[in-house]
Amino acid sequence: MLGLRTTIYKVNNLSEAKAWYVKAFKIEPYFDESFYVGFNIQGYELGLLPEEEQIQKGENILSYWGVEDIQKTYEHLLNLGATKHEEPNNVGGELMVASVFDPWNNIIGIIYNPYFKLPE
């Protein structure tokens, strides 16, 4: 195993979701087609896939995107129309996590982790 590479969110309106994620992550997609929109988030892939039919989305898997200011990022996502899933909270030491539902009911996790270092 080489580590996490991609997080995919399924959406029922790809163009609306693309516009929302551009604002949420403050980055333009590097790949933009009718079947997939891809963002490069500091070397990690955030992908949007069109949802052919309504699927049940669960809370059994969470991906956390690293942030420098968890409260500011959490409020930014809520201001864009996300809804609360888990408010920012301390999970030990300086570690803070939070999560929101995007407008398509996908969970976006965010984490402040000053201990995280990429392997060299």
N, C-alpha and C. Protein backbone atom coordinates (compact mmCIF):
# COMPACT_ATOMS: atom_id res chain seq x y z
N MET A 1 0.84 -1.18 0.00
CA MET A 1 0.00 0.00 0.00
C MET A 1 0.88 1.24 0.00
N LEU A 2 0.49 2.22 -0.78
CA LEU A 2 1.27 3.44 -0.89
C LEU A 2 0.60 4.64 -0.23
N GLY A 3 -0.59 4.47 0.30
CA GLY A 3 -1.28 5.58 0.95
C GLY A 3 -2.46 6.06 0.13
N LEU A 4 -3.28 6.87 0.74
CA LEU A 4 -4.49 7.40 0.11
C LEU A 4 -4.13 8.27 -1.09
N ARG A 5 -4.83 8.11 -2.19
CA ARG A 5 -4.58 8.89 -3.40
C ARG A 5 -5.78 9.70 -3.86
N THR A 6 -6.99 9.13 -3.74
CA THR A 6 -8.17 9.75 -4.34
C THR A 6 -9.37 9.64 -3.43
N THR A 7 -10.16 10.69 -3.37
CA THR A 7 -11.47 10.67 -2.75
C THR A 7 -12.47 11.05 -3.82
N ILE A 8 -13.51 10.23 -3.97
CA ILE A 8 -14.54 10.47 -4.99
C ILE A 8 -15.85 10.82 -4.29
N TYR A 9 -16.52 11.85 -4.81
CA TYR A 9 -17.86 12.21 -4.36
C TYR A 9 -18.80 12.05 -5.55
N LYS A 10 -19.91 11.35 -5.36
CA LYS A 10 -20.90 11.20 -6.41
C LYS A 10 -21.97 12.28 -6.25
N VAL A 11 -22.33 12.87 -7.40
CA VAL A 11 -23.25 14.01 -7.39
C VAL A 11 -24.27 13.85 -8.51
N ASN A 12 -25.47 14.37 -8.29
CA ASN A 12 -26.50 14.24 -9.32
C ASN A 12 -26.50 15.40 -10.32
N ASN A 13 -25.69 16.43 -10.08
CA ASN A 13 -25.56 17.53 -11.03
C ASN A 13 -24.08 17.92 -11.07
N LEU A 14 -23.38 17.40 -12.05
CA LEU A 14 -21.93 17.56 -12.11
C LEU A 14 -21.51 19.02 -12.28
N SER A 15 -22.22 19.78 -13.10
CA SER A 15 -21.82 21.18 -13.31
C SER A 15 -22.03 22.02 -12.05
N GLU A 16 -23.14 21.81 -11.34
CA GLU A 16 -23.37 22.54 -10.09
C GLU A 16 -22.34 22.13 -9.04
N ALA A 17 -22.05 20.84 -8.97
CA ALA A 17 -21.08 20.36 -7.98
C ALA A 17 -19.70 20.91 -8.29
N LYS A 18 -19.32 20.94 -9.57
CA LYS A 18 -18.02 21.48 -9.94
C LYS A 18 -17.90 22.94 -9.48
N ALA A 19 -18.92 23.73 -9.74
CA ALA A 19 -18.90 25.14 -9.32
C ALA A 19 -18.80 25.26 -7.81
N TRP A 20 -19.52 24.41 -7.08
CA TRP A 20 -19.48 24.45 -5.61
C TRP A 20 -18.10 24.09 -5.09
N TYR A 21 -17.51 23.03 -5.63
CA TYR A 21 -16.19 22.58 -5.17
C TYR A 21 -15.08 23.56 -5.55
N VAL A 22 -15.23 24.27 -6.65
CA VAL A 22 -14.27 25.32 -6.99
C VAL A 22 -14.25 26.36 -5.88
N LYS A 23 -15.43 26.75 -5.41
CA LYS A 23 -15.52 27.73 -4.32
C LYS A 23 -15.06 27.13 -2.99
N ALA A 24 -15.47 25.89 -2.73
CA ALA A 24 -15.17 25.26 -1.44
C ALA A 24 -13.67 25.04 -1.24
N PHE A 25 -12.99 24.56 -2.28
CA PHE A 25 -11.57 24.23 -2.18
C PHE A 25 -10.67 25.31 -2.77
N LYS A 26 -11.30 26.33 -3.36
CA LYS A 26 -10.58 27.49 -3.92
C LYS A 26 -9.54 27.06 -4.95
N ILE A 27 -9.97 26.16 -5.87
CA ILE A 27 -9.08 25.66 -6.92
C ILE A 27 -9.93 25.23 -8.11
N GLU A 28 -9.40 25.43 -9.31
CA GLU A 28 -10.07 24.98 -10.53
C GLU A 28 -9.72 23.51 -10.80
N PRO A 29 -10.62 22.77 -11.45
CA PRO A 29 -10.30 21.38 -11.79
C PRO A 29 -9.21 21.33 -12.86
N TYR A 30 -8.41 20.29 -12.81
CA TYR A 30 -7.40 20.07 -13.84
C TYR A 30 -7.97 19.18 -14.95
N PHE A 31 -9.07 18.46 -14.64
CA PHE A 31 -9.71 17.57 -15.60
C PHE A 31 -11.20 17.84 -15.52
N ASP A 32 -11.82 18.14 -16.65
CA ASP A 32 -13.22 18.56 -16.63
C ASP A 32 -13.95 17.97 -17.84
N GLU A 33 -14.59 16.85 -17.63
CA GLU A 33 -15.35 16.19 -18.69
C GLU A 33 -16.74 15.84 -18.15
N SER A 34 -17.63 15.43 -19.04
CA SER A 34 -19.00 15.10 -18.63
C SER A 34 -19.08 13.86 -17.75
N PHE A 35 -18.03 13.04 -17.76
CA PHE A 35 -18.03 11.80 -16.99
C PHE A 35 -17.18 11.86 -15.73
N TYR A 36 -16.42 12.96 -15.54
CA TYR A 36 -15.54 13.05 -14.37
C TYR A 36 -14.95 14.46 -14.29
N VAL A 37 -14.90 14.99 -13.09
CA VAL A 37 -14.21 16.26 -12.82
C VAL A 37 -13.17 15.96 -11.75
N GLY A 38 -11.92 16.30 -12.04
CA GLY A 38 -10.83 16.02 -11.12
C GLY A 38 -10.13 17.28 -10.65
N PHE A 39 -9.87 17.34 -9.36
CA PHE A 39 -9.13 18.44 -8.74
C PHE A 39 -7.85 17.86 -8.14
N ASN A 40 -6.78 18.59 -8.26
CA ASN A 40 -5.52 18.22 -7.61
C ASN A 40 -5.40 19.07 -6.36
N ILE A 41 -5.54 18.44 -5.21
CA ILE A 41 -5.47 19.14 -3.93
C ILE A 41 -4.13 18.79 -3.29
N GLN A 42 -3.13 19.61 -3.57
CA GLN A 42 -1.79 19.41 -3.02
C GLN A 42 -1.27 17.99 -3.28
N GLY A 43 -1.52 17.47 -4.49
CA GLY A 43 -1.04 16.15 -4.85
C GLY A 43 -2.03 15.02 -4.61
N TYR A 44 -3.18 15.32 -4.02
CA TYR A 44 -4.21 14.31 -3.78
C TYR A 44 -5.39 14.59 -4.70
N GLU A 45 -6.07 13.55 -5.12
CA GLU A 45 -7.17 13.66 -6.07
C GLU A 45 -8.51 13.78 -5.37
N LEU A 46 -9.26 14.82 -5.74
CA LEU A 46 -10.66 14.93 -5.37
C LEU A 46 -11.42 14.79 -6.67
N GLY A 47 -12.24 13.74 -6.77
CA GLY A 47 -12.97 13.48 -8.00
C GLY A 47 -14.46 13.59 -7.81
N LEU A 48 -15.13 14.12 -8.83
CA LEU A 48 -16.58 14.17 -8.84
C LEU A 48 -17.07 13.26 -9.96
N LEU A 49 -17.97 12.36 -9.62
CA LEU A 49 -18.57 11.44 -10.59
C LEU A 49 -20.06 11.70 -10.68
N PRO A 50 -20.61 11.69 -11.90
CA PRO A 50 -22.06 11.84 -11.99
C PRO A 50 -22.76 10.63 -11.41
N GLU A 51 -23.80 10.89 -10.69
CA GLU A 51 -24.59 9.84 -10.05
C GLU A 51 -25.72 9.48 -11.01
N GLU A 52 -25.67 8.30 -11.58
CA GLU A 52 -26.67 7.88 -12.58
C GLU A 52 -28.05 7.73 -11.95
N GLU A 53 -28.09 7.20 -10.76
CA GLU A 53 -29.35 7.05 -10.03
C GLU A 53 -29.06 7.36 -8.57
N GLN A 54 -30.09 7.78 -7.86
CA GLN A 54 -29.92 8.13 -6.45
C GLN A 54 -29.40 6.92 -5.68
N ILE A 55 -28.30 7.10 -4.98
CA ILE A 55 -27.73 6.01 -4.19
C ILE A 55 -27.80 6.38 -2.72
N GLN A 56 -27.82 5.37 -1.88
CA GLN A 56 -27.77 5.62 -0.45
C GLN A 56 -26.33 5.92 -0.06
N LYS A 57 -26.14 7.02 0.62
CA LYS A 57 -24.80 7.41 1.04
C LYS A 57 -24.70 7.19 2.54
N GLY A 58 -23.64 6.55 2.96
CA GLY A 58 -23.48 6.19 4.35
C GLY A 58 -22.46 7.05 5.07
N GLU A 59 -22.38 6.83 6.35
CA GLU A 59 -21.43 7.55 7.18
C GLU A 59 -20.34 6.61 7.68
N ASN A 60 -20.15 5.48 6.99
CA ASN A 60 -19.19 4.50 7.48
C ASN A 60 -17.77 4.77 6.99
N ILE A 61 -17.59 5.66 6.02
CA ILE A 61 -16.25 6.01 5.54
C ILE A 61 -16.11 7.53 5.57
N LEU A 62 -15.03 8.00 6.18
CA LEU A 62 -14.75 9.43 6.21
C LEU A 62 -13.35 9.68 5.68
N SER A 63 -13.22 10.65 4.79
CA SER A 63 -11.90 11.13 4.36
C SER A 63 -11.75 12.52 4.94
N TYR A 64 -10.59 12.81 5.49
CA TYR A 64 -10.35 14.12 6.08
C TYR A 64 -9.33 14.88 5.24
N TRP A 65 -9.68 16.09 4.85
CA TRP A 65 -8.79 16.98 4.12
C TRP A 65 -8.08 17.87 5.14
N GLY A 66 -6.76 17.95 5.04
CA GLY A 66 -5.98 18.76 5.97
C GLY A 66 -6.23 20.24 5.77
N VAL A 67 -6.34 20.96 6.87
CA VAL A 67 -6.54 22.42 6.84
C VAL A 67 -5.65 23.07 7.89
N GLU A 68 -5.39 24.34 7.70
CA GLU A 68 -4.59 25.09 8.68
C GLU A 68 -5.44 25.74 9.75
N ASP A 69 -6.68 26.08 9.43
CA ASP A 69 -7.58 26.72 10.39
C ASP A 69 -8.94 26.02 10.29
N ILE A 70 -9.20 25.11 11.21
CA ILE A 70 -10.40 24.27 11.09
C ILE A 70 -11.68 25.07 11.24
N GLN A 71 -11.72 26.02 12.17
CA GLN A 71 -12.94 26.79 12.37
C GLN A 71 -13.25 27.65 11.14
N LYS A 72 -12.23 28.30 10.60
CA LYS A 72 -12.42 29.14 9.41
C LYS A 72 -12.88 28.30 8.21
N THR A 73 -12.28 27.14 8.00
CA THR A 73 -12.66 26.27 6.89
C THR A 73 -14.07 25.72 7.08
N TYR A 74 -14.39 25.30 8.30
CA TYR A 74 -15.73 24.79 8.61
C TYR A 74 -16.79 25.85 8.30
N GLU A 75 -16.56 27.07 8.76
CA GLU A 75 -17.51 28.16 8.51
C GLU A 75 -17.60 28.49 7.02
N HIS A 76 -16.47 28.43 6.31
CA HIS A 76 -16.45 28.68 4.86
C HIS A 76 -17.37 27.67 4.15
N LEU A 77 -17.26 26.40 4.49
CA LEU A 77 -18.09 25.37 3.86
C LEU A 77 -19.57 25.57 4.20
N LEU A 78 -19.87 25.90 5.44
CA LEU A 78 -21.26 26.16 5.83
C LEU A 78 -21.82 27.37 5.08
N ASN A 79 -21.01 28.40 4.91
CA ASN A 79 -21.45 29.60 4.19
C ASN A 79 -21.75 29.32 2.72
N LEU A 80 -21.14 28.27 2.17
CA LEU A 80 -21.38 27.89 0.78
C LEU A 80 -22.60 26.96 0.63
N GLY A 81 -23.23 26.61 1.74
CA GLY A 81 -24.42 25.78 1.67
C GLY A 81 -24.26 24.37 2.19
N ALA A 82 -23.08 24.03 2.68
CA ALA A 82 -22.91 22.73 3.34
C ALA A 82 -23.72 22.75 4.64
N THR A 83 -24.02 21.57 5.17
CA THR A 83 -24.73 21.50 6.44
C THR A 83 -23.89 20.72 7.45
N LYS A 84 -24.16 20.96 8.71
CA LYS A 84 -23.37 20.36 9.79
C LYS A 84 -23.47 18.84 9.80
N HIS A 85 -22.35 18.19 9.96
CA HIS A 85 -22.29 16.76 10.24
C HIS A 85 -21.66 16.58 11.62
N GLU A 86 -20.45 17.12 11.78
CA GLU A 86 -19.76 17.08 13.07
C GLU A 86 -19.04 18.41 13.26
N GLU A 87 -19.41 19.12 14.31
CA GLU A 87 -18.78 20.41 14.59
C GLU A 87 -17.32 20.20 14.97
N PRO A 88 -16.48 21.23 14.77
CA PRO A 88 -15.07 21.11 15.14
C PRO A 88 -14.91 20.68 16.60
N ASN A 89 -14.07 19.67 16.80
CA ASN A 89 -13.83 19.21 18.16
C ASN A 89 -12.43 18.64 18.27
N ASN A 90 -11.92 18.69 19.49
CA ASN A 90 -10.57 18.20 19.78
C ASN A 90 -10.63 16.70 19.98
N VAL A 91 -9.71 15.99 19.30
CA VAL A 91 -9.68 14.53 19.42
C VAL A 91 -8.36 14.06 20.04
N GLY A 92 -7.67 14.97 20.71
CA GLY A 92 -6.42 14.61 21.39
C GLY A 92 -5.29 15.52 21.00
N GLY A 93 -4.55 15.98 21.98
CA GLY A 93 -3.44 16.89 21.71
C GLY A 93 -3.95 18.12 20.98
N GLU A 94 -3.30 18.47 19.89
CA GLU A 94 -3.74 19.61 19.09
C GLU A 94 -4.63 19.21 17.92
N LEU A 95 -4.94 17.92 17.79
CA LEU A 95 -5.75 17.43 16.68
C LEU A 95 -7.20 17.87 16.79
N MET A 96 -7.71 18.42 15.68
CA MET A 96 -9.09 18.86 15.60
C MET A 96 -9.70 18.28 14.33
N VAL A 97 -10.94 17.80 14.43
CA VAL A 97 -11.66 17.30 13.26
C VAL A 97 -13.05 17.92 13.21
N ALA A 98 -13.60 17.93 12.01
CA ALA A 98 -14.97 18.38 11.78
C ALA A 98 -15.41 17.78 10.45
N SER A 99 -16.71 17.82 10.19
CA SER A 99 -17.20 17.35 8.90
C SER A 99 -18.53 18.02 8.59
N VAL A 100 -18.81 18.09 7.28
CA VAL A 100 -20.05 18.69 6.78
C VAL A 100 -20.62 17.79 5.69
N PHE A 101 -21.91 17.96 5.41
CA PHE A 101 -22.53 17.37 4.25
C PHE A 101 -22.47 18.40 3.13
N ASP A 102 -21.97 18.01 1.97
CA ASP A 102 -22.05 18.92 0.83
C ASP A 102 -23.50 18.96 0.34
N PRO A 103 -23.85 19.82 -0.63
CA PRO A 103 -25.24 19.88 -1.09
C PRO A 103 -25.76 18.59 -1.72
N TRP A 104 -24.88 17.60 -1.98
CA TRP A 104 -25.28 16.32 -2.57
C TRP A 104 -25.25 15.20 -1.55
N ASN A 105 -25.14 15.58 -0.28
CA ASN A 105 -25.18 14.66 0.85
C ASN A 105 -23.93 13.81 1.02
N ASN A 106 -22.81 14.21 0.41
CA ASN A 106 -21.52 13.57 0.65
C ASN A 106 -20.90 14.20 1.89
N ILE A 107 -20.16 13.43 2.63
CA ILE A 107 -19.50 13.97 3.83
C ILE A 107 -18.09 14.41 3.47
N ILE A 108 -17.79 15.67 3.80
CA ILE A 108 -16.44 16.22 3.65
C ILE A 108 -15.86 16.35 5.04
N GLY A 109 -14.81 15.60 5.32
CA GLY A 109 -14.13 15.70 6.60
C GLY A 109 -12.96 16.66 6.48
N ILE A 110 -12.72 17.42 7.53
CA ILE A 110 -11.55 18.31 7.59
C ILE A 110 -10.81 18.05 8.89
N ILE A 111 -9.49 18.21 8.83
CA ILE A 111 -8.67 17.92 10.00
C ILE A 111 -7.54 18.93 10.11
N TYR A 112 -7.32 19.39 11.33
CA TYR A 112 -6.12 20.15 11.66
C TYR A 112 -5.21 19.18 12.40
N ASN A 113 -4.07 18.87 11.79
CA ASN A 113 -3.15 17.91 12.37
C ASN A 113 -1.72 18.43 12.22
N PRO A 114 -1.22 19.16 13.21
CA PRO A 114 0.13 19.71 13.10
C PRO A 114 1.22 18.64 13.17
N TYR A 115 0.86 17.41 13.51
CA TYR A 115 1.83 16.32 13.61
C TYR A 115 2.05 15.60 12.29
N PHE A 116 1.13 15.78 11.33
CA PHE A 116 1.20 15.06 10.06
C PHE A 116 2.36 15.54 9.20
N LYS A 117 3.15 14.61 8.74
CA LYS A 117 4.26 14.91 7.84
C LYS A 117 4.24 13.89 6.71
N LEU A 118 4.38 14.35 5.48
CA LEU A 118 4.45 13.43 4.34
C LEU A 118 5.78 12.70 4.37
N PRO A 119 5.79 11.44 3.93
CA PRO A 119 7.07 10.72 3.88
C PRO A 119 7.99 11.35 2.84
N GLU A 120 9.26 11.28 3.11
CA GLU A 120 10.23 11.87 2.17
C GLU A 120 10.79 10.86 1.23
